[in-house]
PDB file of all heavy atoms in Angstrom:
ATOM      1  N   HIS A   1     -13.591  -0.831 -32.906  1.00  0.00           N
ATOM      2  CA  HIS A   1     -13.120   0.485 -32.431  1.00  0.00           C
ATOM      3  C   HIS A   1     -13.240   0.571 -30.913  1.00  0.00           C
ATOM      4  O   HIS A   1     -12.336   1.094 -30.233  1.00  0.00           O
ATOM      5  CB  HIS A   1     -13.931   1.596 -33.092  1.00  0.00           C
ATOM      6  CG  HIS A   1     -13.582   2.969 -32.585  1.00  0.00           C
ATOM      7  ND1 HIS A   1     -12.397   3.604 -32.893  1.00  0.00           N
ATOM      8  CD2 HIS A   1     -14.261   3.818 -31.752  1.00  0.00           C
ATOM      9  CE1 HIS A   1     -12.358   4.775 -32.292  1.00  0.00           C
ATOM     10  NE2 HIS A   1     -13.477   4.938 -31.597  1.00  0.00           N
ATOM     11  N   LEU A   2     -14.351   0.039 -30.390  1.00  0.00           N
ATOM     12  CA  LEU A   2     -14.547   0.022 -28.942  1.00  0.00           C
ATOM     13  C   LEU A   2     -13.427  -0.754 -28.253  1.00  0.00           C
ATOM     14  O   LEU A   2     -12.888  -0.318 -27.233  1.00  0.00           O
ATOM     15  CB  LEU A   2     -15.902  -0.615 -28.635  1.00  0.00           C
ATOM     16  CG  LEU A   2     -16.365  -0.594 -27.180  1.00  0.00           C
ATOM     17  CD1 LEU A   2     -16.746   0.817 -26.762  1.00  0.00           C
ATOM     18  CD2 LEU A   2     -17.552  -1.535 -26.986  1.00  0.00           C
ATOM     19  N   LEU A   3     -13.064  -1.899 -28.835  1.00  0.00           N
ATOM     20  CA  LEU A   3     -11.998  -2.714 -28.252  1.00  0.00           C
ATOM     21  C   LEU A   3     -10.636  -2.047 -28.411  1.00  0.00           C
ATOM     22  O   LEU A   3      -9.785  -2.134 -27.520  1.00  0.00           O
ATOM     23  CB  LEU A   3     -11.994  -4.105 -28.913  1.00  0.00           C
ATOM     24  CG  LEU A   3     -13.267  -4.941 -28.735  1.00  0.00           C
ATOM     25  CD1 LEU A   3     -13.163  -6.249 -29.520  1.00  0.00           C
ATOM     26  CD2 LEU A   3     -13.530  -5.230 -27.262  1.00  0.00           C
ATOM     27  N   GLN A   4     -10.430  -1.374 -29.545  1.00  0.00           N
ATOM     28  CA  GLN A   4      -9.159  -0.677 -29.777  1.00  0.00           C
ATOM     29  C   GLN A   4      -8.922   0.407 -28.738  1.00  0.00           C
ATOM     30  O   GLN A   4      -7.787   0.618 -28.286  1.00  0.00           O
ATOM     31  CB  GLN A   4      -9.148  -0.054 -31.178  1.00  0.00           C
ATOM     32  CG  GLN A   4      -9.060  -1.043 -32.330  1.00  0.00           C
ATOM     33  CD  GLN A   4      -7.640  -1.486 -32.627  1.00  0.00           C
ATOM     34  OE1 GLN A   4      -6.724  -1.219 -31.860  1.00  0.00           O
ATOM     35  NE2 GLN A   4      -7.460  -2.183 -33.745  1.00  0.00           N
ATOM     36  N   THR A   5      -9.984   1.117 -28.349  1.00  0.00           N
ATOM     37  CA  THR A   5      -9.819   2.215 -27.392  1.00  0.00           C
ATOM     38  C   THR A   5      -9.338   1.710 -26.038  1.00  0.00           C
ATOM     39  O   THR A   5      -8.728   2.467 -25.270  1.00  0.00           O
ATOM     40  CB  THR A   5     -11.140   2.981 -27.201  1.00  0.00           C
ATOM     41  OG1 THR A   5     -12.149   2.081 -26.705  1.00  0.00           O
ATOM     42  CG2 THR A   5     -11.617   3.591 -28.515  1.00  0.00           C
ATOM     43  N   LEU A   6      -9.616   0.435 -25.722  1.00  0.00           N
ATOM     44  CA  LEU A   6      -9.179  -0.114 -24.441  1.00  0.00           C
ATOM     45  C   LEU A   6      -7.663  -0.210 -24.355  1.00  0.00           C
ATOM     46  O   LEU A   6      -7.099  -0.257 -23.255  1.00  0.00           O
ATOM     47  CB  LEU A   6      -9.800  -1.502 -24.218  1.00  0.00           C
ATOM     48  CG  LEU A   6     -11.328  -1.557 -24.137  1.00  0.00           C
ATOM     49  CD1 LEU A   6     -11.786  -3.004 -23.956  1.00  0.00           C
ATOM     50  CD2 LEU A   6     -11.851  -0.694 -22.992  1.00  0.00           C
ATOM     51  N   SER A   7      -6.996  -0.258 -25.497  1.00  0.00           N
ATOM     52  CA  SER A   7      -5.533  -0.379 -25.510  1.00  0.00           C
ATOM     53  C   SER A   7      -4.842   0.928 -25.141  1.00  0.00           C
ATOM     54  O   SER A   7      -3.647   0.929 -24.837  1.00  0.00           O
ATOM     55  CB  SER A   7      -5.059  -0.821 -26.897  1.00  0.00           C
ATOM     56  OG  SER A   7      -5.663  -2.036 -27.276  1.00  0.00           O
ATOM     57  N   ASN A   8      -5.599   2.022 -25.169  1.00  0.00           N
ATOM     58  CA  ASN A   8      -4.980   3.345 -24.985  1.00  0.00           C
ATOM     59  C   ASN A   8      -5.087   3.879 -23.569  1.00  0.00           C
ATOM     60  O   ASN A   8      -4.616   4.988 -23.280  1.00  0.00           O
ATOM     61  CB  ASN A   8      -5.625   4.345 -25.957  1.00  0.00           C
ATOM     62  CG  ASN A   8      -5.504   3.890 -27.406  1.00  0.00           C
ATOM     63  OD1 ASN A   8      -4.502   3.307 -27.785  1.00  0.00           O
ATOM     64  ND2 ASN A   8      -6.540   4.149 -28.201  1.00  0.00           N
ATOM     65  N   SER A   9      -5.732   3.140 -22.670  1.00  0.00           N
ATOM     66  CA  SER A   9      -5.919   3.612 -21.291  1.00  0.00           C
ATOM     67  C   SER A   9      -5.341   2.600 -20.311  1.00  0.00           C
ATOM     68  O   SER A   9      -5.351   1.387 -20.580  1.00  0.00           O
ATOM     69  CB  SER A   9      -7.405   3.827 -20.987  1.00  0.00           C
ATOM     70  OG  SER A   9      -7.953   4.782 -21.867  1.00  0.00           O
ATOM     71  N   TYR A  10      -4.882   3.104 -19.170  1.00  0.00           N
ATOM     72  CA  TYR A  10      -4.212   2.239 -18.189  1.00  0.00           C
ATOM     73  C   TYR A  10      -4.712   2.535 -16.784  1.00  0.00           C
ATOM     74  O   TYR A  10      -5.057   3.679 -16.454  1.00  0.00           O
ATOM     75  CB  TYR A  10      -2.696   2.466 -18.231  1.00  0.00           C
ATOM     76  CG  TYR A  10      -2.041   1.965 -19.494  1.00  0.00           C
ATOM     77  CD1 TYR A  10      -2.080   2.731 -20.659  1.00  0.00           C
ATOM     78  CD2 TYR A  10      -1.389   0.736 -19.523  1.00  0.00           C
ATOM     79  CE1 TYR A  10      -1.489   2.275 -21.828  1.00  0.00           C
ATOM     80  CE2 TYR A  10      -0.785   0.274 -20.688  1.00  0.00           C
ATOM     81  CZ  TYR A  10      -0.839   1.042 -21.827  1.00  0.00           C
ATOM     82  OH  TYR A  10      -0.260   0.587 -22.985  1.00  0.00           O
ATOM     83  N   LEU A  11      -4.739   1.474 -15.981  1.00  0.00           N
ATOM     84  CA  LEU A  11      -4.954   1.596 -14.544  1.00  0.00           C
ATOM     85  C   LEU A  11      -3.612   1.432 -13.847  1.00  0.00           C
ATOM     86  O   LEU A  11      -2.831   0.542 -14.215  1.00  0.00           O
ATOM     87  CB  LEU A  11      -5.901   0.508 -14.037  1.00  0.00           C
ATOM     88  CG  LEU A  11      -7.385   0.577 -14.394  1.00  0.00           C
ATOM     89  CD1 LEU A  11      -8.083  -0.685 -13.908  1.00  0.00           C
ATOM     90  CD2 LEU A  11      -8.041   1.809 -13.790  1.00  0.00           C
ATOM     91  N   THR A  12      -3.354   2.263 -12.851  1.00  0.00           N
ATOM     92  CA  THR A  12      -2.178   2.013 -12.025  1.00  0.00           C
ATOM     93  C   THR A  12      -2.447   0.774 -11.178  1.00  0.00           C
ATOM     94  O   THR A  12      -3.591   0.326 -11.043  1.00  0.00           O
ATOM     95  CB  THR A  12      -1.878   3.205 -11.107  1.00  0.00           C
ATOM     96  OG1 THR A  12      -2.960   3.333 -10.167  1.00  0.00           O
ATOM     97  CG2 THR A  12      -1.732   4.497 -11.912  1.00  0.00           C
ATOM     98  N   GLU A  13      -1.397   0.220 -10.605  1.00  0.00           N
ATOM     99  CA  GLU A  13      -1.588  -0.957  -9.759  1.00  0.00           C
ATOM    100  C   GLU A  13      -2.495  -0.609  -8.574  1.00  0.00           C
ATOM    101  O   GLU A  13      -3.317  -1.427  -8.151  1.00  0.00           O
ATOM    102  CB  GLU A  13      -0.241  -1.489  -9.267  1.00  0.00           C
ATOM    103  CG  GLU A  13      -0.354  -2.852  -8.591  1.00  0.00           C
ATOM    104  CD  GLU A  13       0.999  -3.498  -8.366  1.00  0.00           C
ATOM    105  OE1 GLU A  13       1.873  -2.835  -7.766  1.00  0.00           O
ATOM    106  OE2 GLU A  13       1.177  -4.650  -8.786  1.00  0.00           O
ATOM    107  N   HIS A  14      -2.358   0.600  -8.061  1.00  0.00           N
ATOM    108  CA  HIS A  14      -3.222   1.031  -6.960  1.00  0.00           C
ATOM    109  C   HIS A  14      -4.686   1.070  -7.404  1.00  0.00           C
ATOM    110  O   HIS A  14      -5.583   0.604  -6.679  1.00  0.00           O
ATOM    111  CB  HIS A  14      -2.782   2.415  -6.471  1.00  0.00           C
ATOM    112  CG  HIS A  14      -3.665   2.972  -5.388  1.00  0.00           C
ATOM    113  ND1 HIS A  14      -3.557   2.584  -4.072  1.00  0.00           N
ATOM    114  CD2 HIS A  14      -4.690   3.875  -5.444  1.00  0.00           C
ATOM    115  CE1 HIS A  14      -4.470   3.219  -3.351  1.00  0.00           C
ATOM    116  NE2 HIS A  14      -5.168   4.015  -4.167  1.00  0.00           N
ATOM    117  N   GLN A  15      -4.940   1.616  -8.584  1.00  0.00           N
ATOM    118  CA  GLN A  15      -6.309   1.674  -9.091  1.00  0.00           C
ATOM    119  C   GLN A  15      -6.868   0.276  -9.353  1.00  0.00           C
ATOM    120  O   GLN A  15      -8.050   0.008  -9.106  1.00  0.00           O
ATOM    121  CB  GLN A  15      -6.364   2.502 -10.382  1.00  0.00           C
ATOM    122  CG  GLN A  15      -6.205   3.998 -10.177  1.00  0.00           C
ATOM    123  CD  GLN A  15      -6.133   4.739 -11.491  1.00  0.00           C
ATOM    124  OE1 GLN A  15      -5.421   4.325 -12.416  1.00  0.00           O
ATOM    125  NE2 GLN A  15      -6.862   5.849 -11.589  1.00  0.00           N
ATOM    126  N   PHE A  16      -6.005  -0.602  -9.855  1.00  0.00           N
ATOM    127  CA  PHE A  16      -6.441  -1.978 -10.101  1.00  0.00           C
ATOM    128  C   PHE A  16      -6.859  -2.655  -8.791  1.00  0.00           C
ATOM    129  O   PHE A  16      -7.911  -3.315  -8.726  1.00  0.00           O
ATOM    130  CB  PHE A  16      -5.314  -2.768 -10.778  1.00  0.00           C
ATOM    131  CG  PHE A  16      -5.625  -4.223 -10.974  1.00  0.00           C
ATOM    132  CD1 PHE A  16      -6.503  -4.641 -11.969  1.00  0.00           C
ATOM    133  CD2 PHE A  16      -5.042  -5.184 -10.161  1.00  0.00           C
ATOM    134  CE1 PHE A  16      -6.798  -5.985 -12.142  1.00  0.00           C
ATOM    135  CE2 PHE A  16      -5.324  -6.529 -10.333  1.00  0.00           C
ATOM    136  CZ  PHE A  16      -6.208  -6.935 -11.322  1.00  0.00           C
ATOM    137  N   CYS A  17      -6.047  -2.495  -7.754  1.00  0.00           N
ATOM    138  CA  CYS A  17      -6.380  -3.080  -6.451  1.00  0.00           C
ATOM    139  C   CYS A  17      -7.653  -2.448  -5.885  1.00  0.00           C
ATOM    140  O   CYS A  17      -8.487  -3.131  -5.277  1.00  0.00           O
ATOM    141  CB  CYS A  17      -5.219  -2.896  -5.476  1.00  0.00           C
ATOM    142  SG  CYS A  17      -3.731  -3.817  -5.934  1.00  0.00           S
ATOM    143  N   GLN A  18      -7.790  -1.138  -6.093  1.00  0.00           N
ATOM    144  CA  GLN A  18      -9.007  -0.447  -5.665  1.00  0.00           C
ATOM    145  C   GLN A  18     -10.225  -1.029  -6.378  1.00  0.00           C
ATOM    146  O   GLN A  18     -11.270  -1.276  -5.765  1.00  0.00           O
ATOM    147  CB  GLN A  18      -8.874   1.041  -5.995  1.00  0.00           C
ATOM    148  CG  GLN A  18     -10.148   1.867  -5.852  1.00  0.00           C
ATOM    149  CD  GLN A  18     -10.394   2.334  -4.436  1.00  0.00           C
ATOM    150  OE1 GLN A  18      -9.521   2.213  -3.583  1.00  0.00           O
ATOM    151  NE2 GLN A  18     -11.594   2.839  -4.181  1.00  0.00           N
ATOM    152  N   LEU A  19     -10.089  -1.277  -7.682  1.00  0.00           N
ATOM    153  CA  LEU A  19     -11.182  -1.845  -8.473  1.00  0.00           C
ATOM    154  C   LEU A  19     -11.588  -3.224  -7.936  1.00  0.00           C
ATOM    155  O   LEU A  19     -12.783  -3.508  -7.772  1.00  0.00           O
ATOM    156  CB  LEU A  19     -10.757  -1.952  -9.938  1.00  0.00           C
ATOM    157  CG  LEU A  19     -11.713  -2.697 -10.881  1.00  0.00           C
ATOM    158  CD1 LEU A  19     -13.051  -1.980 -10.964  1.00  0.00           C
ATOM    159  CD2 LEU A  19     -11.092  -2.840 -12.264  1.00  0.00           C
ATOM    160  N   LEU A  20     -10.594  -4.096  -7.687  1.00  0.00           N
ATOM    161  CA  LEU A  20     -10.907  -5.429  -7.171  1.00  0.00           C
ATOM    162  C   LEU A  20     -11.628  -5.338  -5.831  1.00  0.00           C
ATOM    163  O   LEU A  20     -12.586  -6.082  -5.572  1.00  0.00           O
ATOM    164  CB  LEU A  20      -9.634  -6.257  -7.017  1.00  0.00           C
ATOM    165  CG  LEU A  20      -8.902  -6.677  -8.294  1.00  0.00           C
ATOM    166  CD1 LEU A  20      -7.775  -7.651  -7.958  1.00  0.00           C
ATOM    167  CD2 LEU A  20      -9.849  -7.308  -9.300  1.00  0.00           C
ATOM    168  N   GLY A  21     -11.170  -4.423  -4.966  1.00  0.00           N
ATOM    169  CA  GLY A  21     -11.807  -4.258  -3.663  1.00  0.00           C
ATOM    170  C   GLY A  21     -13.245  -3.798  -3.792  1.00  0.00           C
ATOM    171  O   GLY A  21     -14.149  -4.311  -3.100  1.00  0.00           O
ATOM    172  N   ARG A  22     -13.500  -2.835  -4.676  1.00  0.00           N
ATOM    173  CA  ARG A  22     -14.865  -2.346  -4.875  1.00  0.00           C
ATOM    174  C   ARG A  22     -15.755  -3.431  -5.492  1.00  0.00           C
ATOM    175  O   ARG A  22     -16.948  -3.521  -5.173  1.00  0.00           O
ATOM    176  CB  ARG A  22     -14.849  -1.106  -5.780  1.00  0.00           C
ATOM    177  CG  ARG A  22     -14.299   0.147  -5.103  1.00  0.00           C
ATOM    178  CD  ARG A  22     -15.243   0.629  -4.012  1.00  0.00           C
ATOM    179  NE  ARG A  22     -14.737   1.770  -3.299  1.00  0.00           N
ATOM    180  CZ  ARG A  22     -15.333   2.962  -3.250  1.00  0.00           C
ATOM    181  NH1 ARG A  22     -16.458   3.156  -3.897  1.00  0.00           N
ATOM    182  NH2 ARG A  22     -14.804   3.937  -2.541  1.00  0.00           N
ATOM    183  N   MET A  23     -15.181  -4.249  -6.386  1.00  0.00           N
ATOM    184  CA  MET A  23     -15.957  -5.336  -6.990  1.00  0.00           C
ATOM    185  C   MET A  23     -16.363  -6.360  -5.926  1.00  0.00           C
ATOM    186  O   MET A  23     -17.481  -6.898  -5.955  1.00  0.00           O
ATOM    187  CB  MET A  23     -15.153  -5.996  -8.108  1.00  0.00           C
ATOM    188  CG  MET A  23     -14.958  -5.101  -9.331  1.00  0.00           C
ATOM    189  SD  MET A  23     -13.814  -5.786 -10.553  1.00  0.00           S
ATOM    190  CE  MET A  23     -14.914  -6.840 -11.487  1.00  0.00           C
ATOM    191  N   ARG A  24     -15.459  -6.637  -4.985  1.00  0.00           N
ATOM    192  CA  ARG A  24     -15.799  -7.547  -3.894  1.00  0.00           C
ATOM    193  C   ARG A  24     -16.853  -6.909  -2.978  1.00  0.00           C
ATOM    194  O   ARG A  24     -17.788  -7.573  -2.505  1.00  0.00           O
ATOM    195  CB  ARG A  24     -14.545  -7.894  -3.083  1.00  0.00           C
ATOM    196  CG  ARG A  24     -13.565  -8.810  -3.794  1.00  0.00           C
ATOM    197  CD  ARG A  24     -14.149 -10.188  -4.037  1.00  0.00           C
ATOM    198  NE  ARG A  24     -14.478 -10.885  -2.806  1.00  0.00           N
ATOM    199  CZ  ARG A  24     -13.637 -11.688  -2.158  1.00  0.00           C
ATOM    200  NH1 ARG A  24     -12.417 -11.912  -2.652  1.00  0.00           N
ATOM    201  NH2 ARG A  24     -14.003 -12.284  -1.050  1.00  0.00           N
ATOM    202  N   LEU A  25     -16.702  -5.626  -2.736  1.00  0.00           N
ATOM    203  CA  LEU A  25     -17.642  -4.908  -1.884  1.00  0.00           C
ATOM    204  C   LEU A  25     -19.037  -4.869  -2.500  1.00  0.00           C
ATOM    205  O   LEU A  25     -20.051  -4.958  -1.782  1.00  0.00           O
ATOM    206  CB  LEU A  25     -17.120  -3.493  -1.638  1.00  0.00           C
ATOM    207  CG  LEU A  25     -17.936  -2.588  -0.704  1.00  0.00           C
ATOM    208  CD1 LEU A  25     -17.980  -3.177   0.701  1.00  0.00           C
ATOM    209  CD2 LEU A  25     -17.339  -1.183  -0.685  1.00  0.00           C
ATOM    210  N   TYR A  26     -19.102  -4.764  -3.810  1.00  0.00           N
ATOM    211  CA  TYR A  26     -20.371  -4.651  -4.529  1.00  0.00           C
ATOM    212  C   TYR A  26     -21.317  -5.797  -4.169  1.00  0.00           C
ATOM    213  O   TYR A  26     -22.528  -5.591  -4.018  1.00  0.00           O
ATOM    214  CB  TYR A  26     -20.099  -4.640  -6.038  1.00  0.00           C
ATOM    215  CG  TYR A  26     -21.334  -4.584  -6.898  1.00  0.00           C
ATOM    216  CD1 TYR A  26     -21.869  -3.365  -7.302  1.00  0.00           C
ATOM    217  CD2 TYR A  26     -21.984  -5.747  -7.323  1.00  0.00           C
ATOM    218  CE1 TYR A  26     -23.009  -3.303  -8.092  1.00  0.00           C
ATOM    219  CE2 TYR A  26     -23.120  -5.697  -8.111  1.00  0.00           C
ATOM    220  CZ  TYR A  26     -23.631  -4.474  -8.493  1.00  0.00           C
ATOM    221  OH  TYR A  26     -24.758  -4.423  -9.269  1.00  0.00           O
ATOM    222  N   GLN A  27     -20.754  -7.016  -4.041  1.00  0.00           N
ATOM    223  CA  GLN A  27     -21.591  -8.184  -3.786  1.00  0.00           C
ATOM    224  C   GLN A  27     -22.340  -8.081  -2.460  1.00  0.00           C
ATOM    225  O   GLN A  27     -23.408  -8.676  -2.289  1.00  0.00           O
ATOM    226  CB  GLN A  27     -20.716  -9.461  -3.767  1.00  0.00           C
ATOM    227  CG  GLN A  27     -19.792  -9.621  -4.957  1.00  0.00           C
ATOM    228  CD  GLN A  27     -20.549  -9.901  -6.241  1.00  0.00           C
ATOM    229  OE1 GLN A  27     -21.737 -10.175  -6.220  1.00  0.00           O
ATOM    230  NE2 GLN A  27     -19.864  -9.825  -7.370  1.00  0.00           N
ATOM    231  N   SER A  28     -21.792  -7.341  -1.501  1.00  0.00           N
ATOM    232  CA  SER A  28     -22.381  -7.273  -0.157  1.00  0.00           C
ATOM    233  C   SER A  28     -23.173  -6.001   0.090  1.00  0.00           C
ATOM    234  O   SER A  28     -23.717  -5.804   1.197  1.00  0.00           O
ATOM    235  CB  SER A  28     -21.267  -7.386   0.894  1.00  0.00           C
ATOM    236  OG  SER A  28     -20.534  -8.579   0.725  1.00  0.00           O
ATOM    237  N   LEU A  29     -23.243  -5.123  -0.888  1.00  0.00           N
ATOM    238  CA  LEU A  29     -23.964  -3.857  -0.705  1.00  0.00           C
ATOM    239  C   LEU A  29     -25.461  -4.095  -0.560  1.00  0.00           C
ATOM    240  O   LEU A  29     -26.018  -5.012  -1.174  1.00  0.00           O
ATOM    241  CB  LEU A  29     -23.716  -2.936  -1.904  1.00  0.00           C
ATOM    242  CG  LEU A  29     -22.313  -2.350  -2.058  1.00  0.00           C
ATOM    243  CD1 LEU A  29     -22.239  -1.561  -3.366  1.00  0.00           C
ATOM    244  CD2 LEU A  29     -21.954  -1.453  -0.877  1.00  0.00           C
ATOM    245  N   PRO A  30     -26.147  -3.276   0.229  1.00  0.00           N
ATOM    246  CA  PRO A  30     -27.615  -3.349   0.283  1.00  0.00           C
ATOM    247  C   PRO A  30     -28.206  -3.098  -1.103  1.00  0.00           C
ATOM    248  O   PRO A  30     -27.617  -2.381  -1.920  1.00  0.00           O
ATOM    249  CB  PRO A  30     -27.989  -2.218   1.256  1.00  0.00           C
ATOM    250  CG  PRO A  30     -26.748  -1.938   2.033  1.00  0.00           C
ATOM    251  CD  PRO A  30     -25.602  -2.245   1.122  1.00  0.00           C
ATOM    252  N   GLN A  31     -29.363  -3.703  -1.353  1.00  0.00           N
ATOM    253  CA  GLN A  31     -29.970  -3.595  -2.684  1.00  0.00           C
ATOM    254  C   GLN A  31     -30.191  -2.152  -3.108  1.00  0.00           C
ATOM    255  O   GLN A  31     -29.961  -1.781  -4.253  1.00  0.00           O
ATOM    256  CB  GLN A  31     -31.296  -4.351  -2.716  1.00  0.00           C
ATOM    257  CG  GLN A  31     -31.157  -5.735  -3.325  1.00  0.00           C
ATOM    258  CD  GLN A  31     -32.498  -6.353  -3.641  1.00  0.00           C
ATOM    259  OE1 GLN A  31     -33.520  -5.974  -3.071  1.00  0.00           O
ATOM    260  NE2 GLN A  31     -32.501  -7.304  -4.536  1.00  0.00           N
ATOM    261  N   GLY A  32     -30.643  -1.350  -2.187  1.00  0.00           N
ATOM    262  CA  GLY A  32     -30.895   0.049  -2.516  1.00  0.00           C
ATOM    263  C   GLY A  32     -29.633   0.769  -2.940  1.00  0.00           C
ATOM    264  O   GLY A  32     -29.655   1.628  -3.829  1.00  0.00           O
ATOM    265  N   TYR A  33     -28.512   0.434  -2.318  1.00  0.00           N
ATOM    266  CA  TYR A  33     -27.226   1.042  -2.663  1.00  0.00           C
ATOM    267  C   TYR A  33     -26.771   0.557  -4.037  1.00  0.00           C
ATOM    268  O   TYR A  33     -26.229   1.320  -4.836  1.00  0.00           O
ATOM    269  CB  TYR A  33     -26.201   0.678  -1.586  1.00  0.00           C
ATOM    270  CG  TYR A  33     -25.020   1.618  -1.489  1.00  0.00           C
ATOM    271  CD1 TYR A  33     -24.935   2.556  -0.466  1.00  0.00           C
ATOM    272  CD2 TYR A  33     -23.995   1.566  -2.433  1.00  0.00           C
ATOM    273  CE1 TYR A  33     -23.843   3.419  -0.381  1.00  0.00           C
ATOM    274  CE2 TYR A  33     -22.911   2.423  -2.352  1.00  0.00           C
ATOM    275  CZ  TYR A  33     -22.842   3.348  -1.328  1.00  0.00           C
ATOM    276  OH  TYR A  33     -21.773   4.202  -1.255  1.00  0.00           O
ATOM    277  N   GLN A  34     -27.003  -0.736  -4.296  1.00  0.00           N
ATOM    278  CA  GLN A  34     -26.581  -1.310  -5.582  1.00  0.00           C
ATOM    279  C   GLN A  34     -27.282  -0.669  -6.768  1.00  0.00           C
ATOM    280  O   GLN A  34     -26.724  -0.576  -7.856  1.00  0.00           O
ATOM    281  CB  GLN A  34     -26.844  -2.822  -5.604  1.00  0.00           C
ATOM    282  CG  GLN A  34     -25.760  -3.663  -4.966  1.00  0.00           C
ATOM    283  CD  GLN A  34     -25.957  -5.148  -5.241  1.00  0.00           C
ATOM    284  OE1 GLN A  34     -26.831  -5.543  -6.005  1.00  0.00           O
ATOM    285  NE2 GLN A  34     -25.150  -5.970  -4.600  1.00  0.00           N
ATOM    286  N   LYS A  35     -28.519  -0.228  -6.557  1.00  0.00           N
ATOM    287  CA  LYS A  35     -29.303   0.333  -7.666  1.00  0.00           C
ATOM    288  C   LYS A  35     -28.657   1.575  -8.264  1.00  0.00           C
ATOM    289  O   LYS A  35     -28.896   1.907  -9.429  1.00  0.00           O
ATOM    290  CB  LYS A  35     -30.717   0.665  -7.182  1.00  0.00           C
ATOM    291  CG  LYS A  35     -31.579  -0.565  -6.958  1.00  0.00           C
ATOM    292  CD  LYS A  35     -32.979  -0.172  -6.500  1.00  0.00           C
ATOM    293  CE  LYS A  35     -33.839  -1.401  -6.268  1.00  0.00           C
ATOM    294  NZ  LYS A  35     -35.201  -1.048  -5.777  1.00  0.00           N
ATOM    295  N   ASP A  36     -27.865   2.285  -7.456  1.00  0.00           N
ATOM    296  CA  ASP A  36     -27.220   3.510  -7.933  1.00  0.00           C
ATOM    297  C   ASP A  36     -25.879   3.244  -8.613  1.00  0.00           C
ATOM    298  O   ASP A  36     -25.202   4.176  -9.048  1.00  0.00           O
ATOM    299  CB  ASP A  36     -27.008   4.476  -6.763  1.00  0.00           C
ATOM    300  CG  ASP A  36     -28.328   4.924  -6.144  1.00  0.00           C
ATOM    301  OD1 ASP A  36     -29.308   5.037  -6.905  1.00  0.00           O
ATOM    302  OD2 ASP A  36     -28.369   5.130  -4.918  1.00  0.00           O
ATOM    303  N   ILE A  37     -25.497   1.970  -8.686  1.00  0.00           N
ATOM    304  CA  ILE A  37     -24.207   1.578  -9.281  1.00  0.00           C
ATOM    305  C   ILE A  37     -24.494   0.679 -10.481  1.00  0.00           C
ATOM    306  O   ILE A  37     -25.420  -0.133 -10.436  1.00  0.00           O
ATOM    307  CB  ILE A  37     -23.343   0.830  -8.247  1.00  0.00           C
ATOM    308  CG1 ILE A  37     -23.111   1.710  -7.012  1.00  0.00           C
ATOM    309  CG2 ILE A  37     -22.003   0.424  -8.851  1.00  0.00           C
ATOM    310  CD1 ILE A  37     -22.476   0.962  -5.853  1.00  0.00           C
ATOM    311  N   PRO A  38     -23.749   0.799 -11.576  1.00  0.00           N
ATOM    312  CA  PRO A  38     -23.984  -0.067 -12.731  1.00  0.00           C
ATOM    313  C   PRO A  38     -23.913  -1.550 -12.360  1.00  0.00           C
ATOM    314  O   PRO A  38     -23.156  -1.954 -11.477  1.00  0.00           O
ATOM    315  CB  PRO A  38     -22.853   0.310 -13.689  1.00  0.00           C
ATOM    316  CG  PRO A  38     -22.493   1.700 -13.314  1.00  0.00           C
ATOM    317  CD  PRO A  38     -22.688   1.786 -11.833  1.00  0.00           C
ATOM    318  N   LYS A  39     -24.723  -2.321 -13.021  1.00  0.00           N
ATOM    319  CA  LYS A  39     -24.828  -3.760 -12.748  1.00  0.00           C
ATOM    320  C   LYS A  39     -23.486  -4.465 -12.939  1.00  0.00           C
ATOM    321  O   LYS A  39     -22.757  -4.201 -13.897  1.00  0.00           O
ATOM    322  CB  LYS A  39     -25.872  -4.368 -13.690  1.00  0.00           C
ATOM    323  CG  LYS A  39     -26.057  -5.860 -13.576  1.00  0.00           C
ATOM    324  CD  LYS A  39     -27.150  -6.339 -14.524  1.00  0.00           C
ATOM    325  CE  LYS A  39     -26.767  -6.106 -15.977  1.00  0.00           C
ATOM    326  NZ  LYS A  39     -27.762  -6.639 -16.925  1.00  0.00           N
ATOM    327  N   MET A  40     -23.172  -5.377 -12.033  1.00  0.00           N
ATOM    328  CA  MET A  40     -21.970  -6.197 -12.156  1.00  0.00           C
ATOM    329  C   MET A  40     -22.349  -7.650 -11.876  1.00  0.00           C
ATOM    330  O   MET A  40     -22.840  -7.973 -10.789  1.00  0.00           O
ATOM    331  CB  MET A  40     -20.886  -5.743 -11.179  1.00  0.00           C
ATOM    332  CG  MET A  40     -19.535  -6.396 -11.448  1.00  0.00           C
ATOM    333  SD  MET A  40     -18.336  -6.129 -10.123  1.00  0.00           S
ATOM    334  CE  MET A  40     -18.979  -7.257  -8.886  1.00  0.00           C
ATOM    335  N   LEU A  41     -22.117  -8.530 -12.846  1.00  0.00           N
ATOM    336  CA  LEU A  41     -22.526  -9.931 -12.718  1.00  0.00           C
ATOM    337  C   LEU A  41     -21.385 -10.856 -12.316  1.00  0.00           C
ATOM    338  O   LEU A  41     -21.621 -12.013 -11.972  1.00  0.00           O
ATOM    339  CB  LEU A  41     -23.122 -10.419 -14.048  1.00  0.00           C
ATOM    340  CG  LEU A  41     -24.352  -9.674 -14.554  1.00  0.00           C
ATOM    341  CD1 LEU A  41     -24.812 -10.255 -15.889  1.00  0.00           C
ATOM    342  CD2 LEU A  41     -25.486  -9.725 -13.542  1.00  0.00           C
TER     343      LEU A  41
END
């Protein structure tokens, strides 16, 4: 059911690019800043 729900939502291309940029930014954030954001491996 969790996987099925993923089929019903969409990111615009702008949101997708925003997501990739934030994911790249996450790696360089100070540790204290990272603590307030969900873990990304």
